[in-house]
mmCIF file of all heavy atoms, coordinates in Angstrom:
data_MODEL
# 
_entry.id   MODEL 
# 
loop_
_atom_site.group_PDB 
_atom_site.id 
_atom_site.type_symbol 
_atom_site.label_atom_id 
_atom_site.label_alt_id 
_atom_site.label_comp_id 
_atom_site.label_asym_id 
_atom_site.label_entity_id 
_atom_site.label_seq_id 
_atom_site.pdbx_PDB_ins_code 
_atom_site.Cartn_x 
_atom_site.Cartn_y 
_atom_site.Cartn_z 
_atom_site.occupancy 
_atom_site.B_iso_or_equiv 
_atom_site.pdbx_formal_charge 
_atom_site.auth_seq_id 
_atom_site.auth_comp_id 
_atom_site.auth_asym_id 
_atom_site.auth_atom_id 
_atom_site.pdbx_PDB_model_num 
ATOM 1   N N   . TRP A 1 1  ? 55.606 61.656 11.957 1.00 0.00 ? 1  TRP A N   1 
ATOM 2   C CA  . TRP A 1 1  ? 56.164 61.623 13.353 1.00 0.00 ? 1  TRP A CA  1 
ATOM 3   C C   . TRP A 1 1  ? 56.032 62.986 14.012 1.00 0.00 ? 1  TRP A C   1 
ATOM 4   O O   . TRP A 1 1  ? 56.092 64.006 13.370 1.00 0.00 ? 1  TRP A O   1 
ATOM 5   C CB  . TRP A 1 1  ? 57.609 61.167 13.278 1.00 0.00 ? 1  TRP A CB  1 
ATOM 6   C CG  . TRP A 1 1  ? 57.836 59.822 12.686 1.00 0.00 ? 1  TRP A CG  1 
ATOM 7   C CD1 . TRP A 1 1  ? 58.427 59.503 11.548 1.00 0.00 ? 1  TRP A CD1 1 
ATOM 8   C CD2 . TRP A 1 1  ? 57.381 58.548 13.303 1.00 0.00 ? 1  TRP A CD2 1 
ATOM 9   N NE1 . TRP A 1 1  ? 58.395 58.152 11.349 1.00 0.00 ? 1  TRP A NE1 1 
ATOM 10  C CE2 . TRP A 1 1  ? 57.766 57.533 12.392 1.00 0.00 ? 1  TRP A CE2 1 
ATOM 11  C CE3 . TRP A 1 1  ? 56.730 58.214 14.458 1.00 0.00 ? 1  TRP A CE3 1 
ATOM 12  C CZ2 . TRP A 1 1  ? 57.538 56.213 12.620 1.00 0.00 ? 1  TRP A CZ2 1 
ATOM 13  C CZ3 . TRP A 1 1  ? 56.456 56.855 14.692 1.00 0.00 ? 1  TRP A CZ3 1 
ATOM 14  C CH2 . TRP A 1 1  ? 56.908 55.862 13.783 1.00 0.00 ? 1  TRP A CH2 1 
ATOM 15  N N   . GLN A 1 2  ? 55.922 62.956 15.322 1.00 0.00 ? 2  GLN A N   1 
ATOM 16  C CA  . GLN A 1 2  ? 55.765 64.207 16.087 1.00 0.00 ? 2  GLN A CA  1 
ATOM 17  C C   . GLN A 1 2  ? 56.805 64.332 17.198 1.00 0.00 ? 2  GLN A C   1 
ATOM 18  O O   . GLN A 1 2  ? 56.566 64.969 18.220 1.00 0.00 ? 2  GLN A O   1 
ATOM 19  C CB  . GLN A 1 2  ? 54.368 64.314 16.625 1.00 0.00 ? 2  GLN A CB  1 
ATOM 20  C CG  . GLN A 1 2  ? 53.249 64.293 15.571 1.00 0.00 ? 2  GLN A CG  1 
ATOM 21  C CD  . GLN A 1 2  ? 51.874 64.174 16.112 1.00 0.00 ? 2  GLN A CD  1 
ATOM 22  O OE1 . GLN A 1 2  ? 51.605 64.480 17.297 1.00 0.00 ? 2  GLN A OE1 1 
ATOM 23  N NE2 . GLN A 1 2  ? 50.936 63.650 15.335 1.00 0.00 ? 2  GLN A NE2 1 
ATOM 24  N N   . GLY A 1 3  ? 57.952 63.677 16.983 1.00 0.00 ? 3  GLY A N   1 
ATOM 25  C CA  . GLY A 1 3  ? 59.035 63.789 17.933 1.00 0.00 ? 3  GLY A CA  1 
ATOM 26  C C   . GLY A 1 3  ? 58.934 62.794 19.099 1.00 0.00 ? 3  GLY A C   1 
ATOM 27  O O   . GLY A 1 3  ? 59.748 62.778 20.020 1.00 0.00 ? 3  GLY A O   1 
ATOM 28  N N   . GLN A 1 4  ? 57.918 61.933 19.089 1.00 0.00 ? 4  GLN A N   1 
ATOM 29  C CA  . GLN A 1 4  ? 57.762 60.985 20.208 1.00 0.00 ? 4  GLN A CA  1 
ATOM 30  C C   . GLN A 1 4  ? 58.662 59.723 20.031 1.00 0.00 ? 4  GLN A C   1 
ATOM 31  O O   . GLN A 1 4  ? 59.051 59.374 18.920 1.00 0.00 ? 4  GLN A O   1 
ATOM 32  C CB  . GLN A 1 4  ? 56.272 60.517 20.265 1.00 0.00 ? 4  GLN A CB  1 
ATOM 33  C CG  . GLN A 1 4  ? 55.785 59.584 19.202 1.00 0.00 ? 4  GLN A CG  1 
ATOM 34  C CD  . GLN A 1 4  ? 55.314 60.292 17.967 1.00 0.00 ? 4  GLN A CD  1 
ATOM 35  O OE1 . GLN A 1 4  ? 55.922 61.212 17.514 1.00 0.00 ? 4  GLN A OE1 1 
ATOM 36  N NE2 . GLN A 1 4  ? 54.215 59.787 17.406 1.00 0.00 ? 4  GLN A NE2 1 
ATOM 37  N N   . GLU A 1 5  ? 59.000 59.110 21.118 1.00 0.00 ? 5  GLU A N   1 
ATOM 38  C CA  . GLU A 1 5  ? 59.768 57.879 21.105 1.00 0.00 ? 5  GLU A CA  1 
ATOM 39  C C   . GLU A 1 5  ? 61.038 57.963 20.249 1.00 0.00 ? 5  GLU A C   1 
ATOM 40  O O   . GLU A 1 5  ? 61.341 57.097 19.435 1.00 0.00 ? 5  GLU A O   1 
ATOM 41  C CB  . GLU A 1 5  ? 58.881 56.727 20.606 1.00 0.00 ? 5  GLU A CB  1 
ATOM 42  C CG  . GLU A 1 5  ? 57.740 56.400 21.556 1.00 0.00 ? 5  GLU A CG  1 
ATOM 43  C CD  . GLU A 1 5  ? 58.232 55.898 22.922 1.00 0.00 ? 5  GLU A CD  1 
ATOM 44  O OE1 . GLU A 1 5  ? 59.229 55.161 23.020 1.00 0.00 ? 5  GLU A OE1 1 
ATOM 45  O OE2 . GLU A 1 5  ? 57.578 56.301 23.925 1.00 0.00 ? 5  GLU A OE2 1 
ATOM 46  N N   . GLU A 1 6  ? 61.725 59.088 20.427 1.00 0.00 ? 6  GLU A N   1 
ATOM 47  C CA  . GLU A 1 6  ? 63.024 59.331 19.758 1.00 0.00 ? 6  GLU A CA  1 
ATOM 48  C C   . GLU A 1 6  ? 62.908 59.358 18.233 1.00 0.00 ? 6  GLU A C   1 
ATOM 49  O O   . GLU A 1 6  ? 63.911 59.213 17.516 1.00 0.00 ? 6  GLU A O   1 
ATOM 50  C CB  . GLU A 1 6  ? 63.999 58.192 20.142 1.00 0.00 ? 6  GLU A CB  1 
ATOM 51  C CG  . GLU A 1 6  ? 64.263 58.107 21.656 1.00 0.00 ? 6  GLU A CG  1 
ATOM 52  C CD  . GLU A 1 6  ? 65.170 56.952 22.021 1.00 0.00 ? 6  GLU A CD  1 
ATOM 53  O OE1 . GLU A 1 6  ? 65.631 56.227 21.123 1.00 0.00 ? 6  GLU A OE1 1 
ATOM 54  O OE2 . GLU A 1 6  ? 65.443 56.770 23.292 1.00 0.00 ? 6  GLU A OE2 1 
ATOM 55  N N   . GLN A 1 7  ? 61.715 59.610 17.740 1.00 0.00 ? 7  GLN A N   1 
ATOM 56  C CA  . GLN A 1 7  ? 61.534 59.800 16.285 1.00 0.00 ? 7  GLN A CA  1 
ATOM 57  C C   . GLN A 1 7  ? 61.710 61.289 15.954 1.00 0.00 ? 7  GLN A C   1 
ATOM 58  O O   . GLN A 1 7  ? 61.771 62.137 16.822 1.00 0.00 ? 7  GLN A O   1 
ATOM 59  C CB  . GLN A 1 7  ? 60.163 59.304 15.862 1.00 0.00 ? 7  GLN A CB  1 
ATOM 60  C CG  . GLN A 1 7  ? 59.952 57.812 16.073 1.00 0.00 ? 7  GLN A CG  1 
ATOM 61  C CD  . GLN A 1 7  ? 60.916 56.965 15.220 1.00 0.00 ? 7  GLN A CD  1 
ATOM 62  O OE1 . GLN A 1 7  ? 61.256 57.351 14.116 1.00 0.00 ? 7  GLN A OE1 1 
ATOM 63  N NE2 . GLN A 1 7  ? 61.315 55.828 15.773 1.00 0.00 ? 7  GLN A NE2 1 
ATOM 64  N N   . ALA A 1 8  ? 61.762 61.538 14.661 1.00 0.00 ? 8  ALA A N   1 
ATOM 65  C CA  . ALA A 1 8  ? 61.909 62.962 14.183 1.00 0.00 ? 8  ALA A CA  1 
ATOM 66  C C   . ALA A 1 8  ? 60.644 63.711 14.430 1.00 0.00 ? 8  ALA A C   1 
ATOM 67  O O   . ALA A 1 8  ? 59.560 63.128 14.629 1.00 0.00 ? 8  ALA A O   1 
ATOM 68  C CB  . ALA A 1 8  ? 62.181 62.949 12.653 1.00 0.00 ? 8  ALA A CB  1 
ATOM 69  N N   . ASP A 1 9  ? 60.726 65.024 14.489 1.00 0.00 ? 9  ASP A N   1 
ATOM 70  C CA  . ASP A 1 9  ? 59.558 65.863 14.642 1.00 0.00 ? 9  ASP A CA  1 
ATOM 71  C C   . ASP A 1 9  ? 59.272 66.428 13.244 1.00 0.00 ? 9  ASP A C   1 
ATOM 72  O O   . ASP A 1 9  ? 59.720 67.450 12.867 1.00 0.00 ? 9  ASP A O   1 
ATOM 73  C CB  . ASP A 1 9  ? 59.810 66.991 15.625 1.00 0.00 ? 9  ASP A CB  1 
ATOM 74  C CG  . ASP A 1 9  ? 58.524 67.717 16.024 1.00 0.00 ? 9  ASP A CG  1 
ATOM 75  O OD1 . ASP A 1 9  ? 57.631 67.757 15.204 1.00 0.00 ? 9  ASP A OD1 1 
ATOM 76  O OD2 . ASP A 1 9  ? 58.499 68.305 17.141 1.00 0.00 ? 9  ASP A OD2 1 
ATOM 77  N N   . ASP A 1 10 ? 58.420 65.653 12.501 1.00 0.00 ? 10 ASP A N   1 
ATOM 78  C CA  . ASP A 1 10 ? 58.063 66.064 11.141 1.00 0.00 ? 10 ASP A CA  1 
ATOM 79  C C   . ASP A 1 10 ? 57.378 67.425 11.085 1.00 0.00 ? 10 ASP A C   1 
ATOM 80  O O   . ASP A 1 10 ? 57.516 68.168 10.149 1.00 0.00 ? 10 ASP A O   1 
ATOM 81  C CB  . ASP A 1 10 ? 57.217 65.038 10.461 1.00 0.00 ? 10 ASP A CB  1 
ATOM 82  C CG  . ASP A 1 10 ? 57.946 63.717 10.246 1.00 0.00 ? 10 ASP A CG  1 
ATOM 83  O OD1 . ASP A 1 10 ? 59.173 63.719 10.258 1.00 0.00 ? 10 ASP A OD1 1 
ATOM 84  O OD2 . ASP A 1 10 ? 57.223 62.686 10.015 1.00 0.00 ? 10 ASP A OD2 1 
ATOM 85  N N   . VAL A 1 11 ? 56.608 67.694 12.118 1.00 0.00 ? 11 VAL A N   1 
ATOM 86  C CA  . VAL A 1 11 ? 55.786 68.904 12.133 1.00 0.00 ? 11 VAL A CA  1 
ATOM 87  C C   . VAL A 1 11 ? 56.777 70.119 12.280 1.00 0.00 ? 11 VAL A C   1 
ATOM 88  O O   . VAL A 1 11 ? 56.611 71.148 11.550 1.00 0.00 ? 11 VAL A O   1 
ATOM 89  C CB  . VAL A 1 11 ? 54.768 68.942 13.246 1.00 0.00 ? 11 VAL A CB  1 
ATOM 90  C CG1 . VAL A 1 11 ? 53.956 70.242 13.263 1.00 0.00 ? 11 VAL A CG1 1 
ATOM 91  C CG2 . VAL A 1 11 ? 53.811 67.720 13.133 1.00 0.00 ? 11 VAL A CG2 1 
ATOM 92  N N   . GLU A 1 12 ? 57.699 70.033 13.187 1.00 0.00 ? 12 GLU A N   1 
ATOM 93  C CA  . GLU A 1 12 ? 58.671 71.115 13.330 1.00 0.00 ? 12 GLU A CA  1 
ATOM 94  C C   . GLU A 1 12 ? 59.503 71.272 12.049 1.00 0.00 ? 12 GLU A C   1 
ATOM 95  O O   . GLU A 1 12 ? 59.774 72.425 11.622 1.00 0.00 ? 12 GLU A O   1 
ATOM 96  C CB  . GLU A 1 12 ? 59.595 70.798 14.544 1.00 0.00 ? 12 GLU A CB  1 
ATOM 97  C CG  . GLU A 1 12 ? 60.624 71.915 14.776 1.00 0.00 ? 12 GLU A CG  1 
ATOM 98  C CD  . GLU A 1 12 ? 61.467 71.661 16.082 1.00 0.00 ? 12 GLU A CD  1 
ATOM 99  O OE1 . GLU A 1 12 ? 60.851 71.143 17.045 1.00 0.00 ? 12 GLU A OE1 1 
ATOM 100 O OE2 . GLU A 1 12 ? 62.653 71.927 16.047 1.00 0.00 ? 12 GLU A OE2 1 
ATOM 101 N N   . ASP A 1 13 ? 59.926 70.158 11.464 1.00 0.00 ? 13 ASP A N   1 
ATOM 102 C CA  . ASP A 1 13 ? 60.710 70.274 10.229 1.00 0.00 ? 13 ASP A CA  1 
ATOM 103 C C   . ASP A 1 13 ? 59.901 70.900 9.126  1.00 0.00 ? 13 ASP A C   1 
ATOM 104 O O   . ASP A 1 13 ? 60.411 71.722 8.334  1.00 0.00 ? 13 ASP A O   1 
ATOM 105 C CB  . ASP A 1 13 ? 61.142 68.866 9.778  1.00 0.00 ? 13 ASP A CB  1 
ATOM 106 C CG  . ASP A 1 13 ? 62.190 68.246 10.744 1.00 0.00 ? 13 ASP A CG  1 
ATOM 107 O OD1 . ASP A 1 13 ? 62.801 68.993 11.517 1.00 0.00 ? 13 ASP A OD1 1 
ATOM 108 O OD2 . ASP A 1 13 ? 62.343 67.010 10.678 1.00 0.00 ? 13 ASP A OD2 1 
ATOM 109 N N   . PHE A 1 14 ? 58.604 70.589 9.066  1.00 0.00 ? 14 PHE A N   1 
ATOM 110 C CA  . PHE A 1 14 ? 57.735 71.203 8.046  1.00 0.00 ? 14 PHE A CA  1 
ATOM 111 C C   . PHE A 1 14 ? 57.618 72.695 8.232  1.00 0.00 ? 14 PHE A C   1 
ATOM 112 O O   . PHE A 1 14 ? 57.770 73.465 7.279  1.00 0.00 ? 14 PHE A O   1 
ATOM 113 C CB  . PHE A 1 14 ? 56.358 70.565 8.130  1.00 0.00 ? 14 PHE A CB  1 
ATOM 114 C CG  . PHE A 1 14 ? 55.268 71.388 7.456  1.00 0.00 ? 14 PHE A CG  1 
ATOM 115 C CD1 . PHE A 1 14 ? 55.206 71.533 6.086  1.00 0.00 ? 14 PHE A CD1 1 
ATOM 116 C CD2 . PHE A 1 14 ? 54.341 72.097 8.234  1.00 0.00 ? 14 PHE A CD2 1 
ATOM 117 C CE1 . PHE A 1 14 ? 54.218 72.295 5.477  1.00 0.00 ? 14 PHE A CE1 1 
ATOM 118 C CE2 . PHE A 1 14 ? 53.378 72.847 7.652  1.00 0.00 ? 14 PHE A CE2 1 
ATOM 119 C CZ  . PHE A 1 14 ? 53.274 72.971 6.249  1.00 0.00 ? 14 PHE A CZ  1 
ATOM 120 N N   . ILE A 1 15 ? 57.439 73.107 9.468  1.00 0.00 ? 15 ILE A N   1 
ATOM 121 C CA  . ILE A 1 15 ? 57.286 74.563 9.732  1.00 0.00 ? 15 ILE A CA  1 
ATOM 122 C C   . ILE A 1 15 ? 58.567 75.332 9.389  1.00 0.00 ? 15 ILE A C   1 
ATOM 123 O O   . ILE A 1 15 ? 58.515 76.396 8.771  1.00 0.00 ? 15 ILE A O   1 
ATOM 124 C CB  . ILE A 1 15 ? 56.893 74.792 11.223 1.00 0.00 ? 15 ILE A CB  1 
ATOM 125 C CG1 . ILE A 1 15 ? 55.459 74.281 11.458 1.00 0.00 ? 15 ILE A CG1 1 
ATOM 126 C CG2 . ILE A 1 15 ? 56.954 76.291 11.595 1.00 0.00 ? 15 ILE A CG2 1 
ATOM 127 C CD1 . ILE A 1 15 ? 55.112 74.226 12.934 1.00 0.00 ? 15 ILE A CD1 1 
ATOM 128 N N   . LYS A 1 16 ? 59.676 74.767 9.786  1.00 0.00 ? 16 LYS A N   1 
ATOM 129 C CA  . LYS A 1 16 ? 60.951 75.402 9.448  1.00 0.00 ? 16 LYS A CA  1 
ATOM 130 C C   . LYS A 1 16 ? 61.128 75.529 7.935  1.00 0.00 ? 16 LYS A C   1 
ATOM 131 O O   . LYS A 1 16 ? 61.593 76.572 7.426  1.00 0.00 ? 16 LYS A O   1 
ATOM 132 C CB  . LYS A 1 16 ? 62.137 74.625 10.071 1.00 0.00 ? 16 LYS A CB  1 
ATOM 133 C CG  . LYS A 1 16 ? 62.234 74.725 11.575 1.00 0.00 ? 16 LYS A CG  1 
ATOM 134 C CD  . LYS A 1 16 ? 63.371 73.877 12.092 1.00 0.00 ? 16 LYS A CD  1 
ATOM 135 C CE  . LYS A 1 16 ? 63.564 74.026 13.605 1.00 0.00 ? 16 LYS A CE  1 
ATOM 136 N NZ  . LYS A 1 16 ? 64.590 73.147 14.148 1.00 0.00 ? 16 LYS A NZ  1 
ATOM 137 N N   . ALA A 1 17 ? 60.800 74.444 7.247  1.00 0.00 ? 17 ALA A N   1 
ATOM 138 C CA  . ALA A 1 17 ? 60.955 74.457 5.760  1.00 0.00 ? 17 ALA A CA  1 
ATOM 139 C C   . ALA A 1 17 ? 59.991 75.463 5.098  1.00 0.00 ? 17 ALA A C   1 
ATOM 140 O O   . ALA A 1 17 ? 60.364 76.191 4.203  1.00 0.00 ? 17 ALA A O   1 
ATOM 141 C CB  . ALA A 1 17 ? 60.681 73.060 5.227  1.00 0.00 ? 17 ALA A CB  1 
ATOM 142 N N   . LEU A 1 18 ? 58.759 75.506 5.595  1.00 0.00 ? 18 LEU A N   1 
ATOM 143 C CA  . LEU A 1 18 ? 57.736 76.410 5.060  1.00 0.00 ? 18 LEU A CA  1 
ATOM 144 C C   . LEU A 1 18 ? 58.197 77.829 5.156  1.00 0.00 ? 18 LEU A C   1 
ATOM 145 O O   . LEU A 1 18 ? 58.077 78.619 4.186  1.00 0.00 ? 18 LEU A O   1 
ATOM 146 C CB  . LEU A 1 18 ? 56.411 76.242 5.797  1.00 0.00 ? 18 LEU A CB  1 
ATOM 147 C CG  . LEU A 1 18 ? 55.236 77.132 5.409  1.00 0.00 ? 18 LEU A CG  1 
ATOM 148 C CD1 . LEU A 1 18 ? 54.813 76.823 3.955  1.00 0.00 ? 18 LEU A CD1 1 
ATOM 149 C CD2 . LEU A 1 18 ? 54.097 76.990 6.383  1.00 0.00 ? 18 LEU A CD2 1 
ATOM 150 N N   . PHE A 1 19 ? 58.770 78.200 6.291  1.00 0.00 ? 19 PHE A N   1 
ATOM 151 C CA  . PHE A 1 19 ? 59.149 79.608 6.530  1.00 0.00 ? 19 PHE A CA  1 
ATOM 152 C C   . PHE A 1 19 ? 60.514 79.954 5.971  1.00 0.00 ? 19 PHE A C   1 
ATOM 153 O O   . PHE A 1 19 ? 61.026 81.041 6.253  1.00 0.00 ? 19 PHE A O   1 
ATOM 154 C CB  . PHE A 1 19 ? 58.990 79.955 7.979  1.00 0.00 ? 19 PHE A CB  1 
ATOM 155 C CG  . PHE A 1 19 ? 57.561 80.256 8.381  1.00 0.00 ? 19 PHE A CG  1 
ATOM 156 C CD1 . PHE A 1 19 ? 56.756 79.228 8.837  1.00 0.00 ? 19 PHE A CD1 1 
ATOM 157 C CD2 . PHE A 1 19 ? 56.984 81.483 8.216  1.00 0.00 ? 19 PHE A CD2 1 
ATOM 158 C CE1 . PHE A 1 19 ? 55.427 79.411 9.187  1.00 0.00 ? 19 PHE A CE1 1 
ATOM 159 C CE2 . PHE A 1 19 ? 55.652 81.689 8.557  1.00 0.00 ? 19 PHE A CE2 1 
ATOM 160 C CZ  . PHE A 1 19 ? 54.836 80.710 9.019  1.00 0.00 ? 19 PHE A CZ  1 
ATOM 161 N N   . THR A 1 20 ? 61.094 79.107 5.170  1.00 0.00 ? 20 THR A N   1 
ATOM 162 C CA  . THR A 1 20 ? 62.198 79.533 4.373  1.00 0.00 ? 20 THR A CA  1 
ATOM 163 C C   . THR A 1 20 ? 61.719 80.316 3.183  1.00 0.00 ? 20 THR A C   1 
ATOM 164 O O   . THR A 1 20 ? 62.549 81.100 2.542  1.00 0.00 ? 20 THR A O   1 
ATOM 165 C CB  . THR A 1 20 ? 63.083 78.302 3.829  1.00 0.00 ? 20 THR A CB  1 
ATOM 166 O OG1 . THR A 1 20 ? 62.185 77.476 3.001  1.00 0.00 ? 20 THR A OG1 1 
ATOM 167 C CG2 . THR A 1 20 ? 63.621 77.444 4.976  1.00 0.00 ? 20 THR A CG2 1 
ATOM 168 N N   . GLU A 1 21 ? 60.455 80.197 2.812  1.00 0.00 ? 21 GLU A N   1 
ATOM 169 C CA  . GLU A 1 21 ? 59.853 80.920 1.704  1.00 0.00 ? 21 GLU A CA  1 
ATOM 170 C C   . GLU A 1 21 ? 58.831 81.894 2.163  1.00 0.00 ? 21 GLU A C   1 
ATOM 171 O O   . GLU A 1 21 ? 58.726 83.042 1.724  1.00 0.00 ? 21 GLU A O   1 
ATOM 172 C CB  . GLU A 1 21 ? 59.220 79.915 0.707  1.00 0.00 ? 21 GLU A CB  1 
ATOM 173 C CG  . GLU A 1 21 ? 60.243 79.025 0.035  1.00 0.00 ? 21 GLU A CG  1 
ATOM 174 C CD  . GLU A 1 21 ? 61.112 79.716 -1.000 1.00 0.00 ? 21 GLU A CD  1 
ATOM 175 O OE1 . GLU A 1 21 ? 60.744 80.872 -1.446 1.00 0.00 ? 21 GLU A OE1 1 
ATOM 176 O OE2 . GLU A 1 21 ? 62.182 79.201 -1.378 1.00 0.00 ? 21 GLU A OE2 1 
ATOM 177 N N   . VAL A 1 22 ? 57.992 81.491 3.104  1.00 0.00 ? 22 VAL A N   1 
ATOM 178 C CA  . VAL A 1 22 ? 56.902 82.359 3.638  1.00 0.00 ? 22 VAL A CA  1 
ATOM 179 C C   . VAL A 1 22 ? 57.474 83.251 4.693  1.00 0.00 ? 22 VAL A C   1 
ATOM 180 O O   . VAL A 1 22 ? 58.243 82.857 5.543  1.00 0.00 ? 22 VAL A O   1 
ATOM 181 C CB  . VAL A 1 22 ? 55.761 81.519 4.215  1.00 0.00 ? 22 VAL A CB  1 
ATOM 182 C CG1 . VAL A 1 22 ? 54.691 82.397 4.852  1.00 0.00 ? 22 VAL A CG1 1 
ATOM 183 C CG2 . VAL A 1 22 ? 55.174 80.606 3.143  1.00 0.00 ? 22 VAL A CG2 1 
ATOM 184 N N   . LYS A 1 23 ? 57.098 84.556 4.626  1.00 0.00 ? 23 LYS A N   1 
ATOM 185 C CA  . LYS A 1 23 ? 57.589 85.517 5.609  1.00 0.00 ? 23 LYS A CA  1 
ATOM 186 C C   . LYS A 1 23 ? 56.741 85.498 6.892  1.00 0.00 ? 23 LYS A C   1 
ATOM 187 O O   . LYS A 1 23 ? 55.485 85.376 6.789  1.00 0.00 ? 23 LYS A O   1 
ATOM 188 C CB  . LYS A 1 23 ? 57.567 86.915 5.019  1.00 0.00 ? 23 LYS A CB  1 
ATOM 189 C CG  . LYS A 1 23 ? 58.502 87.090 3.844  1.00 0.00 ? 23 LYS A CG  1 
ATOM 190 C CD  . LYS A 1 23 ? 58.449 88.602 3.361  1.00 0.00 ? 23 LYS A CD  1 
ATOM 191 C CE  . LYS A 1 23 ? 59.439 88.764 2.193  1.00 0.00 ? 23 LYS A CE  1 
ATOM 192 N NZ  . LYS A 1 23 ? 59.393 90.174 1.682  1.00 0.00 ? 23 LYS A NZ  1 
ATOM 193 N N   . LYS A 1 24 ? 57.400 85.621 8.023  1.00 0.00 ? 24 LYS A N   1 
ATOM 194 C CA  . LYS A 1 24 ? 56.704 85.767 9.263  1.00 0.00 ? 24 LYS A CA  1 
ATOM 195 C C   . LYS A 1 24 ? 55.874 87.046 9.262  1.00 0.00 ? 24 LYS A C   1 
ATOM 196 O O   . LYS A 1 24 ? 56.320 88.031 8.719  1.00 0.00 ? 24 LYS A O   1 
ATOM 197 C CB  . LYS A 1 24 ? 57.631 85.703 10.454 1.00 0.00 ? 24 LYS A CB  1 
ATOM 198 C CG  . LYS A 1 24 ? 58.368 84.433 10.662 1.00 0.00 ? 24 LYS A CG  1 
ATOM 199 C CD  . LYS A 1 24 ? 59.300 84.484 11.907 1.00 0.00 ? 24 LYS A CD  1 
ATOM 200 C CE  . LYS A 1 24 ? 60.027 83.165 12.142 1.00 0.00 ? 24 LYS A CE  1 
ATOM 201 N NZ  . LYS A 1 24 ? 60.923 83.257 13.323 1.00 0.00 ? 24 LYS A NZ  1 
ATOM 202 N N   . PRO A 1 25 ? 54.721 87.078 9.946  1.00 0.00 ? 25 PRO A N   1 
ATOM 203 C CA  . PRO A 1 25 ? 53.903 88.270 9.929  1.00 0.00 ? 25 PRO A CA  1 
ATOM 204 C C   . PRO A 1 25 ? 54.545 89.441 10.693 1.00 0.00 ? 25 PRO A C   1 
ATOM 205 O O   . PRO A 1 25 ? 55.186 89.250 11.722 1.00 0.00 ? 25 PRO A O   1 
ATOM 206 C CB  . PRO A 1 25 ? 52.599 87.801 10.660 1.00 0.00 ? 25 PRO A CB  1 
ATOM 207 C CG  . PRO A 1 25 ? 53.006 86.631 11.450 1.00 0.00 ? 25 PRO A CG  1 
ATOM 208 C CD  . PRO A 1 25 ? 54.085 85.982 10.693 1.00 0.00 ? 25 PRO A CD  1 
ATOM 209 N N   . ALA A 1 26 ? 54.362 90.621 10.140 1.00 0.00 ? 26 ALA A N   1 
ATOM 210 C CA  . ALA A 1 26 ? 54.863 91.841 10.807 1.00 0.00 ? 26 ALA A CA  1 
ATOM 211 C C   . ALA A 1 26 ? 53.818 92.286 11.857 1.00 0.00 ? 26 ALA A C   1 
ATOM 212 O O   . ALA A 1 26 ? 52.839 91.573 12.088 1.00 0.00 ? 26 ALA A O   1 
ATOM 213 C CB  . ALA A 1 26 ? 55.086 92.960 9.760  1.00 0.00 ? 26 ALA A CB  1 
ATOM 214 N N   . LYS A 1 27 ? 54.085 93.442 12.458 1.00 0.00 ? 27 LYS A N   1 
ATOM 215 C CA  . LYS A 1 27 ? 53.161 93.901 13.509 1.00 0.00 ? 27 LYS A CA  1 
ATOM 216 C C   . LYS A 1 27 ? 51.798 94.179 12.872 1.00 0.00 ? 27 LYS A C   1 
ATOM 217 O O   . LYS A 1 27 ? 51.682 94.688 11.814 1.00 0.00 ? 27 LYS A O   1 
ATOM 218 C CB  . LYS A 1 27 ? 53.734 95.223 14.085 1.00 0.00 ? 27 LYS A CB  1 
ATOM 219 C CG  . LYS A 1 27 ? 52.912 95.792 15.260 1.00 0.00 ? 27 LYS A CG  1 
ATOM 220 C CD  . LYS A 1 27 ? 53.565 97.053 15.815 1.00 0.00 ? 27 LYS A CD  1 
ATOM 221 C CE  . LYS A 1 27 ? 52.803 97.578 16.972 1.00 0.00 ? 27 LYS A CE  1 
ATOM 222 N NZ  . LYS A 1 27 ? 53.349 98.826 17.542 1.00 0.00 ? 27 LYS A NZ  1 
ATOM 223 N N   . ASN A 1 28 ? 50.748 93.798 13.625 1.00 0.00 ? 28 ASN A N   1 
ATOM 224 C CA  . ASN A 1 28 ? 49.384 93.956 13.217 1.00 0.00 ? 28 ASN A CA  1 
ATOM 225 C C   . ASN A 1 28 ? 49.007 93.109 11.995 1.00 0.00 ? 28 ASN A C   1 
ATOM 226 O O   . ASN A 1 28 ? 48.024 93.434 11.270 1.00 0.00 ? 28 ASN A O   1 
ATOM 227 C CB  . ASN A 1 28 ? 49.030 95.414 12.952 1.00 0.00 ? 28 ASN A CB  1 
ATOM 228 C CG  . ASN A 1 28 ? 49.197 96.280 14.156 1.00 0.00 ? 28 ASN A CG  1 
ATOM 229 O OD1 . ASN A 1 28 ? 48.907 95.823 15.322 1.00 0.00 ? 28 ASN A OD1 1 
ATOM 230 N ND2 . ASN A 1 28 ? 49.594 97.531 14.012 1.00 0.00 ? 28 ASN A ND2 1 
ATOM 231 N N   . SER A 1 29 ? 49.868 92.130 11.713 1.00 0.00 ? 29 SER A N   1 
ATOM 232 C CA  . SER A 1 29 ? 49.609 91.260 10.546 1.00 0.00 ? 29 SER A CA  1 
ATOM 233 C C   . SER A 1 29 ? 49.519 89.802 10.995 1.00 0.00 ? 29 SER A C   1 
ATOM 234 O O   . SER A 1 29 ? 49.929 89.442 12.089 1.00 0.00 ? 29 SER A O   1 
ATOM 235 C CB  . SER A 1 29 ? 50.713 91.437 9.545  1.00 0.00 ? 29 SER A CB  1 
ATOM 236 O OG  . SER A 1 29 ? 50.839 92.758 9.099  1.00 0.00 ? 29 SER A OG  1 
ATOM 237 N N   . ALA A 1 30 ? 48.992 88.957 10.121 1.00 0.00 ? 30 ALA A N   1 
ATOM 238 C CA  . ALA A 1 30 ? 48.863 87.591 10.402 1.00 0.00 ? 30 ALA A CA  1 
ATOM 239 C C   . ALA A 1 30 ? 49.072 86.777 9.129  1.00 0.00 ? 30 ALA A C   1 
ATOM 240 O O   . ALA A 1 30 ? 48.813 87.223 8.020  1.00 0.00 ? 30 ALA A O   1 
ATOM 241 C CB  . ALA A 1 30 ? 47.495 87.224 11.030 1.00 0.00 ? 30 ALA A CB  1 
# 
């Protein structure tokens, strides 16, 4: 699901879950 028609946004949930472990990039990093 992608948040359409009152459904959950699985993509957003996935990103939030992923970045509980993966660090966001610092300056000049990706």
